[in-house]
């Protein structure tokens, strides 16, 4: 398995938006601290990586996830800093 950097397409955007909206809706009904939300996302990511067939595949997916965490952090602290896509106002 070779993980290559691909351009985010409409499917990626729709899935990211759906995840963000689901988390936002859930946390509005059941408030959670920021660290708990991040922990749940990290566990879910780890579980998805754990389903890879080989150790090498898991390593590559982990590298990709790590790079995407950095990219997401940069994106949300830049021009989209006011976005409440994932966290409702009362959590941040």
Protein backbone atom coordinates (compact mmCIF):
# COMPACT_ATOMS: atom_id res chain seq x y z
CA UNK A 1 0.00 0.00 0.00
CA UNK A 2 1.41 3.33 -1.00
CA UNK A 3 -0.23 6.35 0.55
CA UNK A 4 -0.01 9.24 -1.83
CA UNK A 5 -1.13 12.80 -1.29
CA UNK A 6 -4.31 13.38 -3.24
CA UNK A 7 -6.34 16.47 -3.83
CA UNK A 8 -9.39 16.67 -1.61
CA UNK A 9 -12.41 16.10 -3.77
CA UNK A 10 -16.12 16.56 -3.19
CA UNK A 11 -16.45 13.17 -1.45
CA UNK A 12 -13.76 14.11 1.06
CA UNK A 13 -15.39 17.46 1.72
CA UNK A 14 -18.84 15.90 2.19
CA UNK A 15 -17.52 13.27 4.60
CA UNK A 16 -15.56 15.83 6.63
CA UNK A 17 -18.61 18.09 6.79
CA UNK A 18 -20.87 15.18 7.81
CA UNK A 19 -18.47 14.16 10.59
CA UNK A 20 -18.18 17.74 11.82
CA UNK A 21 -21.94 18.29 11.77
CA UNK A 22 -22.56 15.01 13.60
CA UNK A 23 -20.05 15.88 16.31
CA UNK A 24 -21.44 19.39 16.62
CA UNK A 25 -25.02 18.12 16.92
CA UNK A 26 -24.06 15.46 19.47
CA UNK A 27 -22.07 17.85 21.63
CA UNK A 28 -24.88 20.39 21.63
CA UNK A 29 -27.14 17.70 23.11
CA UNK A 30 -24.43 16.14 25.31
CA UNK A 31 -21.75 18.71 26.15
CA UNK A 32 -18.21 17.33 26.29
CA UNK A 33 -14.86 18.98 26.92
CA UNK A 34 -12.64 19.58 23.92
CA UNK A 35 -10.08 16.95 25.01
CA UNK A 36 -12.74 14.23 25.16
CA UNK A 37 -13.87 14.98 21.61
CA UNK A 38 -10.28 14.89 20.34
CA UNK A 39 -9.68 11.64 22.23
CA UNK A 40 -12.74 10.01 20.66
CA UNK A 41 -11.63 11.08 17.19
CA UNK A 42 -8.11 9.78 17.84
CA UNK A 43 -9.43 6.42 19.06
CA UNK A 44 -11.68 6.09 16.02
CA UNK A 45 -8.76 6.95 13.73
CA UNK A 46 -6.62 4.34 15.48
CA UNK A 47 -9.32 1.72 15.10
CA UNK A 48 -9.57 2.47 11.37
CA UNK A 49 -5.78 2.25 11.00
CA UNK A 50 -5.80 -1.03 12.94
CA UNK A 51 -7.93 -2.61 10.24
CA UNK A 52 -5.10 -2.34 7.70
CA UNK A 53 -3.77 -5.70 6.54
CA UNK A 54 -0.06 -5.30 7.24
CA UNK A 55 2.19 -3.51 9.69
CA UNK A 56 3.58 -1.48 6.79
CA UNK A 57 0.09 -0.40 5.76
CA UNK A 58 -0.65 0.66 9.35
CA UNK A 59 2.60 2.61 9.44
CA UNK A 60 1.73 4.44 6.21
CA UNK A 61 -1.80 5.22 7.38
CA UNK A 62 -0.44 6.51 10.70
CA UNK A 63 1.96 8.81 8.84
CA UNK A 64 -0.91 10.08 6.70
CA UNK A 65 -3.12 10.65 9.75
CA UNK A 66 -0.32 12.51 11.52
CA UNK A 67 0.22 14.76 8.49
CA UNK A 68 -3.52 15.41 8.24
CA UNK A 69 -3.67 16.41 11.92
CA UNK A 70 -0.97 18.99 11.22
CA UNK A 71 -2.76 20.16 8.07
CA UNK A 72 -6.10 20.45 9.88
CA UNK A 73 -4.51 22.38 12.74
CA UNK A 74 -2.96 24.83 10.31
CA UNK A 75 -6.20 25.17 8.34
CA UNK A 76 -8.38 25.92 11.36
CA UNK A 77 -5.93 28.40 12.88
CA UNK A 78 -5.67 30.27 9.59
CA UNK A 79 -8.48 31.71 7.54
CA UNK A 80 -11.14 29.41 9.02
CA UNK A 81 -10.30 30.27 12.63
CA UNK A 82 -13.83 31.45 13.35
CA UNK A 83 -15.36 28.18 12.14
CA UNK A 84 -17.36 26.21 14.69
CA UNK A 85 -17.68 23.22 12.37
CA UNK A 86 -16.75 20.63 14.97
CA UNK A 87 -17.04 22.34 18.32
CA UNK A 88 -20.15 24.29 19.29
CA UNK A 89 -19.57 27.67 20.91
CA UNK A 90 -19.99 26.44 24.46
CA UNK A 91 -17.14 23.90 24.19
CA UNK A 92 -14.17 25.90 22.93
